[in-house]
N, C-alpha and C. Protein backbone atom coordinates (compact mmCIF):
# COMPACT_ATOMS: atom_id res chain seq x y z
N MET A 1 26.75 -42.37 131.13
CA MET A 1 26.56 -43.42 132.09
C MET A 1 27.06 -42.89 133.44
N SER A 2 26.27 -43.08 134.49
CA SER A 2 26.64 -42.63 135.80
C SER A 2 27.71 -43.52 136.39
N SER A 3 28.36 -43.08 137.46
CA SER A 3 29.40 -43.90 138.06
C SER A 3 28.83 -45.16 138.70
N THR A 4 27.55 -45.08 139.18
CA THR A 4 26.91 -46.28 139.76
C THR A 4 26.66 -47.30 138.67
N GLN A 5 26.14 -46.85 137.49
CA GLN A 5 25.90 -47.77 136.38
C GLN A 5 27.22 -48.37 135.90
N SER A 6 28.27 -47.53 135.84
CA SER A 6 29.56 -48.00 135.38
C SER A 6 30.09 -49.11 136.28
N SER A 7 29.95 -48.94 137.61
CA SER A 7 30.47 -49.99 138.51
C SER A 7 29.64 -51.25 138.43
N LYS A 8 28.32 -51.14 138.17
CA LYS A 8 27.48 -52.34 138.02
C LYS A 8 27.90 -53.10 136.77
N VAL A 9 28.14 -52.41 135.69
CA VAL A 9 28.57 -53.06 134.47
C VAL A 9 29.92 -53.75 134.72
N GLY A 10 30.83 -53.05 135.43
CA GLY A 10 32.13 -53.63 135.74
C GLY A 10 32.01 -54.88 136.57
N SER A 11 31.06 -54.90 137.55
CA SER A 11 30.90 -56.11 138.38
C SER A 11 30.37 -57.26 137.57
N VAL A 12 29.43 -57.02 136.70
CA VAL A 12 28.90 -58.09 135.87
C VAL A 12 30.03 -58.64 135.02
N ARG A 13 30.80 -57.74 134.44
CA ARG A 13 31.93 -58.21 133.63
C ARG A 13 32.93 -58.97 134.51
N GLY A 14 33.11 -58.49 135.74
CA GLY A 14 34.06 -59.15 136.65
C GLY A 14 33.66 -60.59 136.92
N ASN A 15 32.37 -60.89 137.00
CA ASN A 15 31.91 -62.25 137.26
C ASN A 15 32.02 -63.15 136.04
N SER A 16 31.99 -62.56 134.85
CA SER A 16 31.97 -63.42 133.68
C SER A 16 33.32 -63.51 132.99
N ILE A 17 34.10 -62.41 132.98
CA ILE A 17 35.35 -62.48 132.24
C ILE A 17 36.55 -62.01 133.04
N GLY A 18 36.40 -61.87 134.35
CA GLY A 18 37.57 -61.57 135.19
C GLY A 18 37.97 -60.11 135.19
N CYS A 19 37.02 -59.17 135.09
CA CYS A 19 37.36 -57.76 135.16
C CYS A 19 36.94 -57.20 136.51
N SER A 20 37.62 -56.20 136.99
CA SER A 20 37.24 -55.59 138.24
C SER A 20 36.20 -54.51 137.96
N GLY A 21 35.70 -53.90 138.99
CA GLY A 21 34.72 -52.84 138.85
C GLY A 21 35.26 -51.69 138.07
N SER A 22 36.55 -51.49 138.05
CA SER A 22 37.13 -50.37 137.33
C SER A 22 37.38 -50.70 135.87
N GLY A 23 37.07 -51.94 135.45
CA GLY A 23 37.25 -52.30 134.05
C GLY A 23 38.63 -52.94 133.79
N GLU A 24 39.50 -53.07 134.81
CA GLU A 24 40.81 -53.67 134.63
C GLU A 24 40.72 -55.19 134.72
N SER A 25 41.59 -55.86 134.03
CA SER A 25 41.60 -57.32 134.05
C SER A 25 42.17 -57.82 135.38
N LYS A 26 41.54 -58.85 135.99
CA LYS A 26 42.03 -59.44 137.23
C LYS A 26 42.91 -60.64 136.93
N GLY A 27 43.06 -61.04 135.72
CA GLY A 27 43.83 -62.26 135.41
C GLY A 27 42.91 -63.22 134.68
N LYS A 28 43.21 -64.50 134.76
CA LYS A 28 42.44 -65.51 134.06
C LYS A 28 41.10 -65.69 134.72
N GLY A 29 40.03 -65.54 133.97
CA GLY A 29 38.68 -65.75 134.48
C GLY A 29 38.14 -67.09 134.05
N THR A 30 36.86 -67.24 134.14
CA THR A 30 36.27 -68.54 133.87
C THR A 30 36.26 -68.91 132.39
N LEU A 31 36.29 -67.96 131.49
CA LEU A 31 36.25 -68.27 130.07
C LEU A 31 37.61 -68.60 129.48
N HIS A 32 38.68 -68.28 130.17
CA HIS A 32 40.02 -68.49 129.63
C HIS A 32 40.31 -69.98 129.40
N GLY A 33 39.64 -70.85 130.14
CA GLY A 33 39.82 -72.28 129.91
C GLY A 33 39.21 -72.75 128.62
N PHE A 34 38.25 -71.97 128.09
CA PHE A 34 37.54 -72.36 126.88
C PHE A 34 37.97 -71.58 125.65
N VAL A 35 38.43 -70.36 125.85
CA VAL A 35 38.76 -69.50 124.74
C VAL A 35 40.26 -69.23 124.75
N SER A 36 40.86 -69.36 123.61
CA SER A 36 42.29 -69.10 123.52
C SER A 36 42.56 -68.26 122.29
N SER A 37 43.54 -67.40 122.40
CA SER A 37 43.90 -66.60 121.25
C SER A 37 44.89 -67.32 120.33
N LYS A 38 45.35 -68.50 120.80
CA LYS A 38 46.30 -69.26 119.98
C LYS A 38 45.56 -69.93 118.84
N PRO A 39 46.12 -69.87 117.65
CA PRO A 39 45.46 -70.54 116.52
C PRO A 39 45.51 -72.06 116.69
N ARG A 40 44.44 -72.73 116.27
CA ARG A 40 44.41 -74.18 116.33
C ARG A 40 44.45 -74.75 114.92
N GLN A 41 45.35 -75.67 114.71
CA GLN A 41 45.47 -76.26 113.41
C GLN A 41 45.65 -77.76 113.57
N THR A 42 44.90 -78.52 112.82
CA THR A 42 45.06 -79.98 112.87
C THR A 42 46.36 -80.30 112.19
N THR A 43 47.17 -81.07 112.90
CA THR A 43 48.47 -81.44 112.32
C THR A 43 48.34 -82.79 111.59
N LEU A 44 49.26 -83.05 110.74
CA LEU A 44 49.28 -84.34 110.05
C LEU A 44 49.43 -85.48 111.05
N ASN A 45 50.27 -85.26 112.10
CA ASN A 45 50.50 -86.28 113.09
C ASN A 45 49.21 -86.65 113.83
N SER A 46 48.41 -85.63 114.21
CA SER A 46 47.17 -85.95 114.94
C SER A 46 46.19 -86.66 114.04
N THR A 47 46.12 -86.32 112.77
CA THR A 47 45.25 -87.02 111.84
C THR A 47 45.73 -88.46 111.65
N TYR A 48 47.05 -88.62 111.51
CA TYR A 48 47.63 -89.95 111.37
C TYR A 48 47.35 -90.78 112.59
N LYS A 49 47.52 -90.20 113.80
CA LYS A 49 47.29 -90.93 115.06
C LYS A 49 45.83 -91.35 115.16
N LYS A 50 44.92 -90.47 114.75
CA LYS A 50 43.49 -90.81 114.82
C LYS A 50 43.20 -91.99 113.90
N ASP A 51 43.74 -91.98 112.69
CA ASP A 51 43.54 -93.08 111.76
C ASP A 51 44.21 -94.37 112.27
N LEU A 52 45.38 -94.22 112.86
CA LEU A 52 46.09 -95.36 113.43
C LEU A 52 45.30 -95.97 114.59
N LEU A 53 44.73 -95.12 115.44
CA LEU A 53 43.94 -95.59 116.56
C LEU A 53 42.73 -96.40 116.08
N VAL A 54 42.06 -95.89 115.08
CA VAL A 54 40.91 -96.63 114.51
C VAL A 54 41.37 -97.98 113.96
N ASP A 55 42.51 -97.99 113.25
CA ASP A 55 43.03 -99.23 112.68
C ASP A 55 43.41 -100.25 113.76
N VAL A 56 44.09 -99.80 114.81
CA VAL A 56 44.50 -100.69 115.91
C VAL A 56 43.28 -101.27 116.58
N LYS A 57 42.30 -100.43 116.90
CA LYS A 57 41.08 -100.92 117.55
C LYS A 57 40.35 -101.94 116.68
N ARG A 58 40.32 -101.72 115.36
CA ARG A 58 39.68 -102.68 114.46
C ARG A 58 40.46 -103.99 114.47
N ARG A 59 41.78 -103.94 114.52
CA ARG A 59 42.59 -105.16 114.56
C ARG A 59 42.30 -105.96 115.84
N VAL A 60 42.18 -105.28 116.96
CA VAL A 60 41.85 -105.94 118.22
C VAL A 60 40.47 -106.59 118.08
N GLY A 61 39.53 -105.85 117.56
CA GLY A 61 38.17 -106.41 117.34
C GLY A 61 38.22 -107.61 116.41
N HIS A 62 38.98 -107.51 115.36
CA HIS A 62 39.05 -108.60 114.39
C HIS A 62 39.58 -109.88 115.06
N PHE A 63 40.61 -109.74 115.91
CA PHE A 63 41.15 -110.88 116.64
C PHE A 63 40.08 -111.47 117.57
N ILE A 64 39.43 -110.62 118.33
CA ILE A 64 38.41 -111.10 119.30
C ILE A 64 37.28 -111.82 118.56
N TYR A 65 36.82 -111.26 117.44
CA TYR A 65 35.73 -111.91 116.68
C TYR A 65 36.22 -113.21 116.06
N SER A 66 37.44 -113.22 115.56
CA SER A 66 38.01 -114.40 114.88
C SER A 66 38.06 -115.62 115.77
N VAL A 67 38.46 -115.42 117.04
CA VAL A 67 38.59 -116.57 117.94
C VAL A 67 37.37 -116.70 118.87
N ALA A 68 36.33 -115.92 118.61
CA ALA A 68 35.07 -116.00 119.33
C ALA A 68 35.24 -115.77 120.84
N LEU A 69 36.09 -114.81 121.18
CA LEU A 69 36.22 -114.45 122.60
C LEU A 69 35.00 -113.63 123.01
N PRO A 70 34.57 -113.79 124.25
CA PRO A 70 33.45 -112.92 124.70
C PRO A 70 33.93 -111.48 124.77
N PHE A 71 33.02 -110.54 124.53
CA PHE A 71 33.39 -109.13 124.52
C PHE A 71 33.92 -108.67 125.88
N ASN A 72 33.44 -109.27 126.95
CA ASN A 72 33.87 -108.86 128.28
C ASN A 72 35.30 -109.30 128.58
N VAL A 73 35.98 -109.91 127.65
CA VAL A 73 37.41 -110.23 127.85
C VAL A 73 38.20 -108.96 128.13
N VAL A 74 37.74 -107.84 127.60
CA VAL A 74 38.44 -106.57 127.81
C VAL A 74 38.24 -106.04 129.23
N ASN A 75 37.32 -106.62 130.01
CA ASN A 75 37.14 -106.25 131.41
C ASN A 75 38.02 -107.06 132.33
N ASP A 76 38.72 -108.05 131.79
CA ASP A 76 39.60 -108.88 132.58
C ASP A 76 40.71 -108.01 133.19
N PRO A 77 41.07 -108.25 134.46
CA PRO A 77 42.10 -107.37 135.08
C PRO A 77 43.47 -107.48 134.41
N TYR A 78 43.72 -108.52 133.61
CA TYR A 78 45.00 -108.66 132.95
C TYR A 78 45.02 -108.07 131.54
N TRP A 79 43.88 -107.65 131.03
CA TRP A 79 43.79 -107.11 129.68
C TRP A 79 44.59 -105.83 129.53
N LEU A 80 44.28 -104.82 130.36
CA LEU A 80 44.93 -103.52 130.25
C LEU A 80 46.42 -103.61 130.49
N PRO A 81 46.90 -104.33 131.53
CA PRO A 81 48.38 -104.43 131.66
C PRO A 81 49.05 -105.06 130.45
N MET A 82 48.36 -106.01 129.81
CA MET A 82 48.92 -106.63 128.60
C MET A 82 49.05 -105.61 127.49
N VAL A 83 47.97 -104.88 127.25
CA VAL A 83 47.98 -103.88 126.18
C VAL A 83 49.00 -102.78 126.48
N GLU A 84 49.08 -102.34 127.73
CA GLU A 84 50.05 -101.31 128.10
C GLU A 84 51.49 -101.82 127.94
N GLY A 85 51.73 -103.09 128.28
CA GLY A 85 53.05 -103.67 128.11
C GLY A 85 53.49 -103.69 126.66
N ILE A 86 52.56 -104.05 125.78
CA ILE A 86 52.86 -104.05 124.35
C ILE A 86 53.16 -102.62 123.88
N ALA A 87 52.37 -101.66 124.34
CA ALA A 87 52.59 -100.27 123.93
C ALA A 87 53.92 -99.75 124.46
N GLU A 88 54.27 -100.12 125.69
CA GLU A 88 55.56 -99.68 126.25
C GLU A 88 56.75 -100.24 125.48
N TYR A 89 56.63 -101.51 125.08
CA TYR A 89 57.72 -102.13 124.31
C TYR A 89 57.89 -101.35 122.99
N GLY A 90 56.75 -101.07 122.36
CA GLY A 90 56.78 -100.27 121.13
C GLY A 90 56.98 -101.11 119.86
N ARG A 91 57.41 -100.41 118.87
CA ARG A 91 57.59 -101.02 117.54
C ARG A 91 58.60 -102.17 117.61
N GLY A 92 58.32 -103.24 116.90
CA GLY A 92 59.22 -104.37 116.87
C GLY A 92 58.91 -105.47 117.86
N PHE A 93 57.82 -105.29 118.63
CA PHE A 93 57.41 -106.32 119.57
C PHE A 93 56.96 -107.56 118.82
N ASN A 94 57.52 -108.69 119.18
CA ASN A 94 57.08 -109.96 118.62
C ASN A 94 56.30 -110.70 119.68
N PRO A 95 55.03 -111.00 119.45
CA PRO A 95 54.23 -111.67 120.47
C PRO A 95 54.78 -113.07 120.74
N PRO A 96 54.44 -113.64 121.89
CA PRO A 96 54.96 -114.97 122.21
C PRO A 96 54.44 -116.01 121.21
N SER A 97 55.29 -116.95 120.94
CA SER A 97 54.89 -118.05 120.04
C SER A 97 54.04 -119.06 120.82
N MET A 98 53.41 -119.96 120.10
CA MET A 98 52.63 -121.02 120.73
C MET A 98 53.55 -121.84 121.64
N HIS A 99 54.77 -122.10 121.20
CA HIS A 99 55.72 -122.86 121.99
C HIS A 99 56.06 -122.14 123.30
N GLU A 100 56.30 -120.84 123.23
CA GLU A 100 56.62 -120.06 124.43
C GLU A 100 55.43 -120.06 125.41
N LEU A 101 54.22 -119.92 124.86
CA LEU A 101 53.03 -119.91 125.71
C LEU A 101 52.85 -121.22 126.45
N ARG A 102 53.22 -122.32 125.84
CA ARG A 102 53.01 -123.62 126.49
C ARG A 102 54.23 -124.12 127.26
N THR A 103 55.33 -123.34 127.24
CA THR A 103 56.53 -123.78 127.98
C THR A 103 56.86 -122.77 129.09
N TRP A 104 57.83 -121.93 128.85
CA TRP A 104 58.36 -121.08 129.92
C TRP A 104 57.34 -120.07 130.46
N ILE A 105 56.47 -119.53 129.60
CA ILE A 105 55.49 -118.57 130.09
C ILE A 105 54.48 -119.25 130.99
N LEU A 106 54.00 -120.42 130.58
CA LEU A 106 53.07 -121.19 131.41
C LEU A 106 53.72 -121.58 132.73
N LYS A 107 54.99 -122.01 132.68
CA LYS A 107 55.69 -122.38 133.92
C LYS A 107 55.80 -121.18 134.87
N ALA A 108 56.11 -120.04 134.32
CA ALA A 108 56.21 -118.82 135.15
C ALA A 108 54.88 -118.49 135.80
N GLU A 109 53.78 -118.63 135.08
CA GLU A 109 52.44 -118.38 135.63
C GLU A 109 52.10 -119.38 136.71
N VAL A 110 52.40 -120.66 136.47
CA VAL A 110 52.14 -121.72 137.47
C VAL A 110 52.94 -121.43 138.74
N ASP A 111 54.21 -121.01 138.59
CA ASP A 111 55.03 -120.68 139.75
C ASP A 111 54.41 -119.51 140.50
N GLY A 112 53.89 -118.53 139.79
CA GLY A 112 53.24 -117.38 140.43
C GLY A 112 51.99 -117.79 141.21
N ILE A 113 51.17 -118.69 140.63
CA ILE A 113 49.97 -119.18 141.29
C ILE A 113 50.37 -120.00 142.51
N ASN A 114 51.44 -120.78 142.41
CA ASN A 114 51.87 -121.57 143.56
C ASN A 114 52.31 -120.68 144.72
N LEU A 115 52.94 -119.54 144.41
CA LEU A 115 53.29 -118.58 145.48
C LEU A 115 52.03 -118.02 146.14
N ILE A 116 51.03 -117.71 145.35
CA ILE A 116 49.76 -117.21 145.90
C ILE A 116 49.12 -118.30 146.74
N HIS A 117 49.16 -119.56 146.28
CA HIS A 117 48.60 -120.68 147.02
C HIS A 117 49.30 -120.82 148.38
N GLU A 118 50.60 -120.65 148.42
CA GLU A 118 51.35 -120.75 149.66
C GLU A 118 50.93 -119.65 150.66
N GLU A 119 50.69 -118.45 150.14
CA GLU A 119 50.22 -117.35 150.99
C GLU A 119 48.85 -117.68 151.56
N HIS A 120 47.98 -118.26 150.74
CA HIS A 120 46.66 -118.63 151.21
C HIS A 120 46.76 -119.74 152.28
N LYS A 121 47.64 -120.70 152.06
CA LYS A 121 47.80 -121.77 153.03
C LYS A 121 48.24 -121.24 154.39
N LYS A 122 49.11 -120.22 154.38
CA LYS A 122 49.51 -119.61 155.65
C LYS A 122 48.31 -118.97 156.36
N ALA A 123 47.45 -118.33 155.58
CA ALA A 123 46.24 -117.72 156.16
C ALA A 123 45.30 -118.77 156.67
N TRP A 124 45.21 -119.93 155.97
CA TRP A 124 44.32 -121.01 156.44
C TRP A 124 44.77 -121.49 157.82
N LYS A 125 46.08 -121.61 157.98
CA LYS A 125 46.63 -122.08 159.28
C LYS A 125 46.42 -121.03 160.37
N LYS A 126 46.62 -119.77 159.99
CA LYS A 126 46.57 -118.70 160.99
C LYS A 126 45.14 -118.38 161.41
N TYR A 127 44.21 -118.28 160.43
CA TYR A 127 42.86 -117.80 160.73
C TYR A 127 41.79 -118.88 160.64
N GLY A 128 42.11 -120.00 159.98
CA GLY A 128 41.09 -120.99 159.67
C GLY A 128 40.48 -120.66 158.32
N CYS A 129 39.70 -121.60 157.80
CA CYS A 129 39.12 -121.39 156.48
C CYS A 129 37.84 -122.21 156.33
N THR A 130 37.14 -121.97 155.24
CA THR A 130 35.91 -122.67 154.92
C THR A 130 36.08 -123.29 153.56
N THR A 131 35.75 -124.56 153.43
CA THR A 131 35.78 -125.20 152.11
C THR A 131 34.41 -125.00 151.48
N MET A 132 34.42 -124.77 150.20
CA MET A 132 33.16 -124.56 149.48
C MET A 132 33.22 -125.37 148.18
N PHE A 133 32.05 -125.74 147.71
CA PHE A 133 32.00 -126.40 146.40
C PHE A 133 30.78 -125.92 145.65
N ASP A 134 30.89 -126.03 144.35
CA ASP A 134 29.86 -125.57 143.45
C ASP A 134 29.70 -126.62 142.35
N GLY A 135 28.53 -127.21 142.24
CA GLY A 135 28.28 -128.20 141.21
C GLY A 135 27.51 -127.59 140.06
N TRP A 136 27.84 -127.96 138.84
CA TRP A 136 27.14 -127.46 137.68
C TRP A 136 27.31 -128.45 136.54
N THR A 137 26.51 -128.27 135.51
CA THR A 137 26.55 -129.10 134.32
C THR A 137 27.00 -128.25 133.14
N ASP A 138 28.03 -128.72 132.42
CA ASP A 138 28.52 -127.93 131.29
C ASP A 138 27.71 -128.23 130.01
N GLY A 139 28.14 -127.64 128.91
CA GLY A 139 27.43 -127.80 127.63
C GLY A 139 27.44 -129.22 127.10
N LYS A 140 28.37 -130.06 127.58
CA LYS A 140 28.46 -131.45 127.13
C LYS A 140 27.75 -132.38 128.11
N ASN A 141 26.95 -131.77 129.00
CA ASN A 141 26.15 -132.51 130.01
C ASN A 141 27.00 -133.25 131.01
N ARG A 142 28.19 -132.76 131.26
CA ARG A 142 29.04 -133.32 132.32
C ARG A 142 28.74 -132.63 133.64
N SER A 143 28.71 -133.40 134.71
CA SER A 143 28.52 -132.83 136.04
C SER A 143 29.90 -132.48 136.59
N LEU A 144 30.14 -131.22 136.82
CA LEU A 144 31.44 -130.75 137.30
C LEU A 144 31.28 -130.17 138.69
N ILE A 145 32.30 -130.34 139.50
CA ILE A 145 32.29 -129.77 140.85
C ILE A 145 33.56 -128.94 141.00
N ASN A 146 33.39 -127.66 141.35
CA ASN A 146 34.53 -126.77 141.65
C ASN A 146 34.70 -126.73 143.17
N PHE A 147 35.94 -126.81 143.59
CA PHE A 147 36.27 -126.75 145.02
C PHE A 147 37.03 -125.46 145.28
N LEU A 148 36.59 -124.71 146.28
CA LEU A 148 37.20 -123.43 146.64
C LEU A 148 37.43 -123.38 148.13
N VAL A 149 38.35 -122.54 148.54
CA VAL A 149 38.65 -122.37 149.97
C VAL A 149 38.60 -120.88 150.25
N ASN A 150 37.82 -120.51 151.28
CA ASN A 150 37.68 -119.10 151.65
C ASN A 150 38.31 -118.86 153.02
N SER A 151 39.04 -117.74 153.11
CA SER A 151 39.64 -117.31 154.35
C SER A 151 39.77 -115.79 154.29
N PRO A 152 40.28 -115.14 155.33
CA PRO A 152 40.48 -113.70 155.27
C PRO A 152 41.45 -113.29 154.14
N ALA A 153 42.25 -114.21 153.64
CA ALA A 153 43.15 -113.89 152.52
C ALA A 153 42.39 -113.82 151.20
N GLY A 154 41.16 -114.33 151.18
CA GLY A 154 40.36 -114.30 149.96
C GLY A 154 39.89 -115.72 149.62
N THR A 155 39.25 -115.83 148.47
CA THR A 155 38.78 -117.14 148.02
C THR A 155 39.77 -117.68 146.99
N PHE A 156 40.15 -118.92 147.20
CA PHE A 156 41.15 -119.56 146.33
C PHE A 156 40.50 -120.77 145.64
N PHE A 157 40.57 -120.81 144.31
CA PHE A 157 40.07 -121.94 143.54
C PHE A 157 41.08 -123.08 143.70
N LEU A 158 40.61 -124.19 144.23
CA LEU A 158 41.51 -125.32 144.50
C LEU A 158 41.58 -126.26 143.32
N LYS A 159 40.42 -126.73 142.85
CA LYS A 159 40.39 -127.65 141.73
C LYS A 159 38.97 -127.83 141.23
N SER A 160 38.87 -128.51 140.12
CA SER A 160 37.58 -128.86 139.54
C SER A 160 37.64 -130.31 139.12
N ILE A 161 36.56 -131.05 139.34
CA ILE A 161 36.56 -132.47 138.94
C ILE A 161 35.31 -132.78 138.12
N ASP A 162 35.43 -133.76 137.25
CA ASP A 162 34.30 -134.27 136.49
C ASP A 162 33.66 -135.39 137.33
N ALA A 163 32.48 -135.14 137.86
CA ALA A 163 31.80 -136.09 138.73
C ALA A 163 30.63 -136.75 138.02
N SER A 164 30.65 -136.76 136.70
CA SER A 164 29.54 -137.29 135.93
C SER A 164 29.22 -138.75 136.31
N ALA A 165 30.24 -139.55 136.51
CA ALA A 165 30.05 -140.97 136.81
C ALA A 165 29.61 -141.22 138.24
N SER A 166 29.80 -140.23 139.11
CA SER A 166 29.52 -140.47 140.53
C SER A 166 28.57 -139.47 141.16
N ILE A 167 27.92 -138.63 140.39
CA ILE A 167 27.10 -137.57 140.94
C ILE A 167 25.93 -138.13 141.77
N LYS A 168 25.46 -139.32 141.44
CA LYS A 168 24.32 -139.89 142.16
C LYS A 168 24.77 -140.86 143.25
N ASN A 169 26.09 -140.90 143.49
CA ASN A 169 26.63 -141.77 144.50
C ASN A 169 27.09 -140.93 145.68
N GLY A 170 26.31 -140.93 146.76
CA GLY A 170 26.62 -140.11 147.93
C GLY A 170 27.96 -140.41 148.55
N GLU A 171 28.36 -141.67 148.54
CA GLU A 171 29.64 -142.06 149.14
C GLU A 171 30.82 -141.44 148.38
N LEU A 172 30.72 -141.45 147.04
CA LEU A 172 31.80 -140.87 146.24
C LEU A 172 31.85 -139.36 146.42
N ILE A 173 30.69 -138.71 146.47
CA ILE A 173 30.66 -137.26 146.68
C ILE A 173 31.29 -136.93 148.02
N PHE A 174 30.94 -137.72 149.06
CA PHE A 174 31.54 -137.51 150.38
C PHE A 174 33.05 -137.68 150.30
N LYS A 175 33.51 -138.67 149.53
CA LYS A 175 34.96 -138.91 149.40
C LYS A 175 35.65 -137.70 148.78
N TYR A 176 35.03 -137.09 147.74
CA TYR A 176 35.60 -135.90 147.10
C TYR A 176 35.73 -134.77 148.14
N LEU A 177 34.67 -134.56 148.92
CA LEU A 177 34.70 -133.51 149.92
C LEU A 177 35.74 -133.81 151.02
N ASP A 178 35.80 -135.05 151.43
CA ASP A 178 36.76 -135.45 152.47
C ASP A 178 38.19 -135.26 151.98
N ASP A 179 38.44 -135.57 150.69
CA ASP A 179 39.78 -135.41 150.12
C ASP A 179 40.18 -133.92 150.13
N VAL A 180 39.24 -133.04 149.84
CA VAL A 180 39.53 -131.62 149.83
C VAL A 180 39.85 -131.14 151.26
N VAL A 181 39.08 -131.61 152.25
CA VAL A 181 39.36 -131.24 153.64
C VAL A 181 40.74 -131.72 154.05
N ASP A 182 41.12 -132.92 153.65
CA ASP A 182 42.45 -133.46 153.94
C ASP A 182 43.52 -132.61 153.26
N GLU A 183 43.27 -132.22 152.02
CA GLU A 183 44.24 -131.40 151.26
C GLU A 183 44.45 -130.04 151.89
N VAL A 184 43.38 -129.44 152.40
CA VAL A 184 43.47 -128.14 153.04
C VAL A 184 44.04 -128.26 154.44
N GLY A 185 43.77 -129.38 155.08
CA GLY A 185 44.19 -129.57 156.45
C GLY A 185 42.97 -129.54 157.37
N GLU A 186 42.60 -130.69 157.89
CA GLU A 186 41.39 -130.80 158.70
C GLU A 186 41.41 -129.81 159.86
N GLU A 187 42.60 -129.59 160.44
CA GLU A 187 42.73 -128.67 161.57
C GLU A 187 42.50 -127.21 161.18
N ASN A 188 42.55 -126.93 159.86
CA ASN A 188 42.38 -125.53 159.39
C ASN A 188 40.94 -125.23 159.01
N VAL A 189 40.13 -126.27 158.78
CA VAL A 189 38.77 -126.05 158.30
C VAL A 189 37.84 -125.74 159.47
N ILE A 190 37.14 -124.66 159.34
CA ILE A 190 36.19 -124.24 160.39
C ILE A 190 34.84 -124.80 160.09
């Protein structure tokens, strides 16, 4: 092999496995991320973890199917923090009881929403806001109206009412809207 052929072979090798034209190694090349000289062996722990992962996911699915939750419940922004919190606590976690969910946990959530509401109210005063409503009919044929308030702070759900008895009464509908404007503050509504 001539010296020209030898250097061409070295360059080709240099591009694929990290060798220089002289045949010496330049260090880690592109294949080192894929090829390792270390032996790989499946450990009992990794097999156990894989089986445990399948079991846990099936338990989550079983719960969701059992209570007929929609599949997109896992897209809720509070889903992942809940699951991560349980995982961080680890073994021995006891989920909240029905009593805890309807007492102190619910109160803490209501207090948190009230703080958010106060922040929105400040934005309504500072920037102004728009009241919005959305009427719809539920599965029981009730006419419901949702009231929302939009401002630079975001959209805040204010309340929902059952307007089934008054949906065809313009004066009552006006009264509902007027009450919302009063609640938000007439001076704040744009």
